Amino acid sequence: MLPKTRIPDISPLTFCRQIKSAYTGMSLESVECLESERGIFKEYCSILSRELDVPFKTVQIKWGPGIKFPQMPERTRNMLKFVLIARLYELKRNIVA
């Protein structure tokens, strides 16, 4: 079981938005505006698959339907905030270096 922290939990959708924003340099508002475009579910499946090291098909078939990923396991959902913090830290470190 993961320890309790003061860091608020985040949704899979928020996680995907933050990761996409960080990797592309787009604002969160721009990322949200693009969500109505075709292919965004597949893109977010790819982000979750890559960042959480989970097979793409698992994300696509078992966690869907839709970009809110309502069937994502609770344990995985609880890990999102930690993965996000680690990725943002890594990106920031790589930019400074």
C-alpha atoms as a PDB file:
ATOM      1  CA  MET A   1       0.000   0.000   0.000  1.00  0.00           C
ATOM      2  CA  LEU A   2       1.261   3.466  -0.861  1.00  0.00           C
ATOM      3  CA  PRO A   3       1.808   5.938   1.984  1.00  0.00           C
ATOM      4  CA  LYS A   4      -0.657   8.784   2.493  1.00  0.00           C
ATOM      5  CA  THR A   5       0.658  12.169   1.393  1.00  0.00           C
ATOM      6  CA  ARG A   6      -0.563  15.734   1.236  1.00  0.00           C
ATOM      7  CA  ILE A   7      -0.178  15.648  -2.530  1.00  0.00           C
ATOM      8  CA  PRO A   8      -3.666  15.572  -4.014  1.00  0.00           C
ATOM      9  CA  ASP A   9      -4.630  12.667  -6.245  1.00  0.00           C
ATOM     10  CA  ILE A  10      -4.958  13.421  -9.945  1.00  0.00           C
ATOM     11  CA  SER A  11      -7.172  11.875 -12.581  1.00  0.00           C
ATOM     12  CA  PRO A  12      -5.801   9.972 -15.569  1.00  0.00           C
ATOM     13  CA  LEU A  13      -7.059  12.803 -17.794  1.00  0.00           C
ATOM     14  CA  THR A  14      -5.184  15.446 -15.788  1.00  0.00           C
ATOM     15  CA  PHE A  15      -2.080  13.249 -15.842  1.00  0.00           C
ATOM     16  CA  CYS A  16      -2.204  12.934 -19.643  1.00  0.00           C
ATOM     17  CA  ARG A  17      -2.773  16.665 -20.079  1.00  0.00           C
ATOM     18  CA  GLN A  18       0.163  17.529 -17.824  1.00  0.00           C
ATOM     19  CA  ILE A  19       2.524  15.061 -19.510  1.00  0.00           C
ATOM     20  CA  LYS A  20       1.533  16.213 -23.006  1.00  0.00           C
ATOM     21  CA  SER A  21       1.969  19.837 -21.983  1.00  0.00           C
ATOM     22  CA  ALA A  22       5.386  19.142 -20.468  1.00  0.00           C
ATOM     23  CA  TYR A  23       6.708  17.201 -23.462  1.00  0.00           C
ATOM     24  CA  THR A  24       5.320  19.523 -26.156  1.00  0.00           C
ATOM     25  CA  GLY A  25       5.653  22.885 -24.437  1.00  0.00           C
ATOM     26  CA  MET A  26       1.963  23.594 -25.087  1.00  0.00           C
ATOM     27  CA  SER A  27      -0.151  25.319 -22.446  1.00  0.00           C
ATOM     28  CA  LEU A  28      -2.710  23.214 -20.604  1.00  0.00           C
ATOM     29  CA  GLU A  29      -5.456  25.284 -22.237  1.00  0.00           C
ATOM     30  CA  SER A  30      -4.120  24.415 -25.694  1.00  0.00           C
ATOM     31  CA  VAL A  31      -3.925  20.738 -24.791  1.00  0.00           C
ATOM     32  CA  GLU A  32      -7.542  20.792 -23.602  1.00  0.00           C
ATOM     33  CA  CYS A  33      -8.694  22.517 -26.796  1.00  0.00           C
ATOM     34  CA  LEU A  34      -7.141  19.764 -28.901  1.00  0.00           C
ATOM     35  CA  GLU A  35      -9.030  17.005 -27.045  1.00  0.00           C
ATOM     36  CA  SER A  36     -11.935  17.191 -29.453  1.00  0.00           C
ATOM     37  CA  GLU A  37      -9.668  16.121 -32.313  1.00  0.00           C
ATOM     38  CA  ARG A  38      -9.683  12.621 -33.668  1.00  0.00           C
ATOM     39  CA  GLY A  39      -7.036  10.290 -32.216  1.00  0.00           C
ATOM     40  CA  ILE A  40      -6.733  11.826 -28.761  1.00  0.00           C
ATOM     41  CA  PHE A  41      -7.839   8.603 -26.997  1.00  0.00           C
ATOM     42  CA  LYS A  42      -5.078   6.687 -28.745  1.00  0.00           C
ATOM     43  CA  GLU A  43      -2.551   9.397 -27.900  1.00  0.00           C
ATOM     44  CA  TYR A  44      -3.532   9.360 -24.223  1.00  0.00           C
ATOM     45  CA  CYS A  45      -3.387   5.546 -24.212  1.00  0.00           C
ATOM     46  CA  SER A  46       0.168   5.848 -25.533  1.00  0.00           C
ATOM     47  CA  ILE A  47       1.098   8.358 -22.835  1.00  0.00           C
ATOM     48  CA  LEU A  48      -0.258   6.151 -20.052  1.00  0.00           C
ATOM     49  CA  SER A  49       1.330   3.046 -21.550  1.00  0.00           C
ATOM     50  CA  ARG A  50       4.736   4.686 -21.890  1.00  0.00           C
ATOM     51  CA  GLU A  51       4.815   6.537 -18.572  1.00  0.00           C
ATOM     52  CA  LEU A  52       3.404   3.696 -16.458  1.00  0.00           C
ATOM     53  CA  ASP A  53       5.123   0.878 -18.364  1.00  0.00           C
ATOM     54  CA  VAL A  54       1.801  -0.878 -19.006  1.00  0.00           C
ATOM     55  CA  PRO A  55       0.982  -2.616 -22.301  1.00  0.00           C
ATOM     56  CA  PHE A  56      -0.872  -0.324 -24.723  1.00  0.00           C
ATOM     57  CA  LYS A  57      -3.672  -2.858 -25.243  1.00  0.00           C
ATOM     58  CA  THR A  58      -4.285  -3.049 -21.489  1.00  0.00           C
ATOM     59  CA  VAL A  59      -4.795   0.698 -21.317  1.00  0.00           C
ATOM     60  CA  GLN A  60      -6.879   0.810 -24.477  1.00  0.00           C
ATOM     61  CA  ILE A  61      -9.166  -2.145 -23.779  1.00  0.00           C
ATOM     62  CA  LYS A  62      -9.318  -2.595 -20.010  1.00  0.00           C
ATOM     63  CA  TRP A  63      -9.172   1.018 -18.746  1.00  0.00           C
ATOM     64  CA  GLY A  64     -11.536   2.684 -21.235  1.00  0.00           C
ATOM     65  CA  PRO A  65     -13.898   3.706 -22.604  1.00  0.00           C
ATOM     66  CA  GLY A  66     -13.003   7.326 -23.200  1.00  0.00           C
ATOM     67  CA  ILE A  67     -10.213   9.639 -22.140  1.00  0.00           C
ATOM     68  CA  LYS A  68     -11.229   9.595 -18.477  1.00  0.00           C
ATOM     69  CA  PHE A  69     -10.164   5.914 -18.204  1.00  0.00           C
ATOM     70  CA  PRO A  70     -12.840   5.007 -15.627  1.00  0.00           C
ATOM     71  CA  GLN A  71     -11.707   1.380 -15.216  1.00  0.00           C
ATOM     72  CA  MET A  72      -8.095   2.213 -14.326  1.00  0.00           C
ATOM     73  CA  PRO A  73      -7.159   0.190 -11.221  1.00  0.00           C
ATOM     74  CA  GLU A  74      -7.222   2.252  -8.019  1.00  0.00           C
ATOM     75  CA  ARG A  75      -3.613   1.382  -7.158  1.00  0.00           C
ATOM     76  CA  THR A  76      -2.446   2.660 -10.546  1.00  0.00           C
ATOM     77  CA  ARG A  77      -4.608   5.762 -10.201  1.00  0.00           C
ATOM     78  CA  ASN A  78      -2.945   6.488  -6.839  1.00  0.00           C
ATOM     79  CA  MET A  79       0.523   6.256  -8.431  1.00  0.00           C
ATOM     80  CA  LEU A  80      -0.188   8.893 -11.085  1.00  0.00           C
ATOM     81  CA  LYS A  81       0.778  11.836  -8.879  1.00  0.00           C
ATOM     82  CA  PHE A  82       4.152  10.294  -8.053  1.00  0.00           C
ATOM     83  CA  VAL A  83       4.941   9.461 -11.678  1.00  0.00           C
ATOM     84  CA  LEU A  84       3.934  12.966 -12.762  1.00  0.00           C
ATOM     85  CA  ILE A  85       6.148  14.629 -10.159  1.00  0.00           C
ATOM     86  CA  ALA A  86       9.089  12.423 -11.144  1.00  0.00           C
ATOM     87  CA  ARG A  87       8.654  13.099 -14.883  1.00  0.00           C
ATOM     88  CA  LEU A  88       8.325  16.856 -14.428  1.00  0.00           C
ATOM     89  CA  TYR A  89      11.440  16.845 -12.240  1.00  0.00           C
ATOM     90  CA  GLU A  90      13.376  14.849 -14.854  1.00  0.00           C
ATOM     91  CA  LEU A  91      12.318  17.199 -17.645  1.00  0.00           C
ATOM     92  CA  LYS A  92      13.241  20.257 -15.600  1.00  0.00           C
ATOM     93  CA  ARG A  93      16.638  18.748 -14.757  1.00  0.00           C
ATOM     94  CA  ASN A  94      17.315  17.952 -18.408  1.00  0.00           C
ATOM     95  CA  ILE A  95      16.469  21.507 -19.456  1.00  0.00           C
ATOM     96  CA  VAL A  96      18.797  23.025 -16.846  1.00  0.00           C
ATOM     97  CA  ALA A  97      21.673  20.647 -17.655  1.00  0.00           C
END
